[in-house]
Amino acid sequence: MNNLNALLEPGMLVTHPDRPDWGTGQVQSNIGGRITVNFREEGKVVIEGSRVSLVPIFE
């Protein structure tokens, strides 16, 4: 898992760098490098943090 993914906590907003069509997602959990995110346009997705670097949204 990359360093930014390790910092992701429930409630944080993220985007998937390869799937902009999924829209903004809210982190549901981050356990053992498996990040569950509820995306606006795709629904709930489990991301393997070692394979994908999610992009946090800081507002």
C-alpha atoms as a PDB file:
ATOM      1  CA  MET A   1       0.000   0.000   0.000  1.00  0.00           C
ATOM      2  CA  ASN A   2       1.358   3.410  -0.848  1.00  0.00           C
ATOM      3  CA  ASN A   3       1.822   6.028   1.857  1.00  0.00           C
ATOM      4  CA  LEU A   4      -1.206   8.126   0.891  1.00  0.00           C
ATOM      5  CA  ASN A   5      -3.518   5.101   0.941  1.00  0.00           C
ATOM      6  CA  ALA A   6      -2.287   4.298   4.461  1.00  0.00           C
ATOM      7  CA  LEU A   7      -3.597   7.687   5.609  1.00  0.00           C
ATOM      8  CA  LEU A   8      -7.114   7.166   4.262  1.00  0.00           C
ATOM      9  CA  GLU A   9      -9.765   6.958   6.980  1.00  0.00           C
ATOM     10  CA  PRO A  10     -13.524   6.419   6.921  1.00  0.00           C
ATOM     11  CA  GLY A  11     -15.359   9.528   5.813  1.00  0.00           C
ATOM     12  CA  MET A  12     -12.569  10.892   3.622  1.00  0.00           C
ATOM     13  CA  LEU A  13     -13.363  11.751   0.009  1.00  0.00           C
ATOM     14  CA  VAL A  14     -11.296  10.254  -2.830  1.00  0.00           C
ATOM     15  CA  THR A  15     -11.243   9.708  -6.570  1.00  0.00           C
ATOM     16  CA  HIS A  16      -9.932   6.709  -8.515  1.00  0.00           C
ATOM     17  CA  PRO A  17      -7.168   7.892 -10.890  1.00  0.00           C
ATOM     18  CA  ASP A  18      -8.124   5.416 -13.632  1.00  0.00           C
ATOM     19  CA  ARG A  19     -11.908   5.742 -13.292  1.00  0.00           C
ATOM     20  CA  PRO A  20     -12.904   9.428 -13.222  1.00  0.00           C
ATOM     21  CA  ASP A  21     -16.368   8.382 -14.421  1.00  0.00           C
ATOM     22  CA  TRP A  22     -16.990   6.862 -10.954  1.00  0.00           C
ATOM     23  CA  GLY A  23     -17.031  10.364  -9.476  1.00  0.00           C
ATOM     24  CA  THR A  24     -16.143  11.199  -5.898  1.00  0.00           C
ATOM     25  CA  GLY A  25     -16.104   8.367  -3.390  1.00  0.00           C
ATOM     26  CA  GLN A  26     -16.288   8.239   0.381  1.00  0.00           C
ATOM     27  CA  VAL A  27     -13.959   5.847   2.202  1.00  0.00           C
ATOM     28  CA  GLN A  28     -15.948   3.325   4.251  1.00  0.00           C
ATOM     29  CA  SER A  29     -13.008   1.322   5.669  1.00  0.00           C
ATOM     30  CA  ASN A  30      -9.276   0.770   5.262  1.00  0.00           C
ATOM     31  CA  ILE A  31      -8.252  -2.596   6.696  1.00  0.00           C
ATOM     32  CA  GLY A  32      -5.043  -4.375   5.785  1.00  0.00           C
ATOM     33  CA  GLY A  33      -4.601  -2.372   2.592  1.00  0.00           C
ATOM     34  CA  ARG A  34      -8.112  -3.177   1.327  1.00  0.00           C
ATOM     35  CA  ILE A  35     -10.020   0.079   1.004  1.00  0.00           C
ATOM     36  CA  THR A  36     -13.794   0.036   0.679  1.00  0.00           C
ATOM     37  CA  VAL A  37     -15.105   3.137  -1.070  1.00  0.00           C
ATOM     38  CA  ASN A  38     -18.665   4.133  -1.914  1.00  0.00           C
ATOM     39  CA  PHE A  39     -18.450   5.990  -5.244  1.00  0.00           C
ATOM     40  CA  ARG A  40     -21.242   8.313  -6.346  1.00  0.00           C
ATOM     41  CA  GLU A  41     -21.634   6.770  -9.809  1.00  0.00           C
ATOM     42  CA  GLU A  42     -20.363   3.191  -9.253  1.00  0.00           C
ATOM     43  CA  GLY A  43     -21.465   2.251  -5.763  1.00  0.00           C
ATOM     44  CA  LYS A  44     -19.426   0.303  -3.225  1.00  0.00           C
ATOM     45  CA  VAL A  45     -16.041  -0.926  -4.474  1.00  0.00           C
ATOM     46  CA  VAL A  46     -13.198  -2.681  -2.635  1.00  0.00           C
ATOM     47  CA  ILE A  47      -9.806  -1.367  -3.795  1.00  0.00           C
ATOM     48  CA  GLU A  48      -6.532  -3.224  -3.301  1.00  0.00           C
ATOM     49  CA  GLY A  49      -4.347  -0.386  -2.018  1.00  0.00           C
ATOM     50  CA  SER A  50      -1.124  -1.978  -3.235  1.00  0.00           C
ATOM     51  CA  ARG A  51      -2.387  -1.811  -6.830  1.00  0.00           C
ATOM     52  CA  VAL A  52      -4.221   1.519  -6.965  1.00  0.00           C
ATOM     53  CA  SER A  53      -3.249   4.870  -5.448  1.00  0.00           C
ATOM     54  CA  LEU A  54      -6.487   6.654  -4.638  1.00  0.00           C
ATOM     55  CA  VAL A  55      -6.403  10.452  -4.832  1.00  0.00           C
ATOM     56  CA  PRO A  56      -7.639  12.172  -1.664  1.00  0.00           C
ATOM     57  CA  ILE A  57      -9.792  15.277  -1.996  1.00  0.00           C
ATOM     58  CA  PHE A  58      -8.954  18.010   0.495  1.00  0.00           C
ATOM     59  CA  GLU A  59     -11.510  20.791   0.720  1.00  0.00           C
END
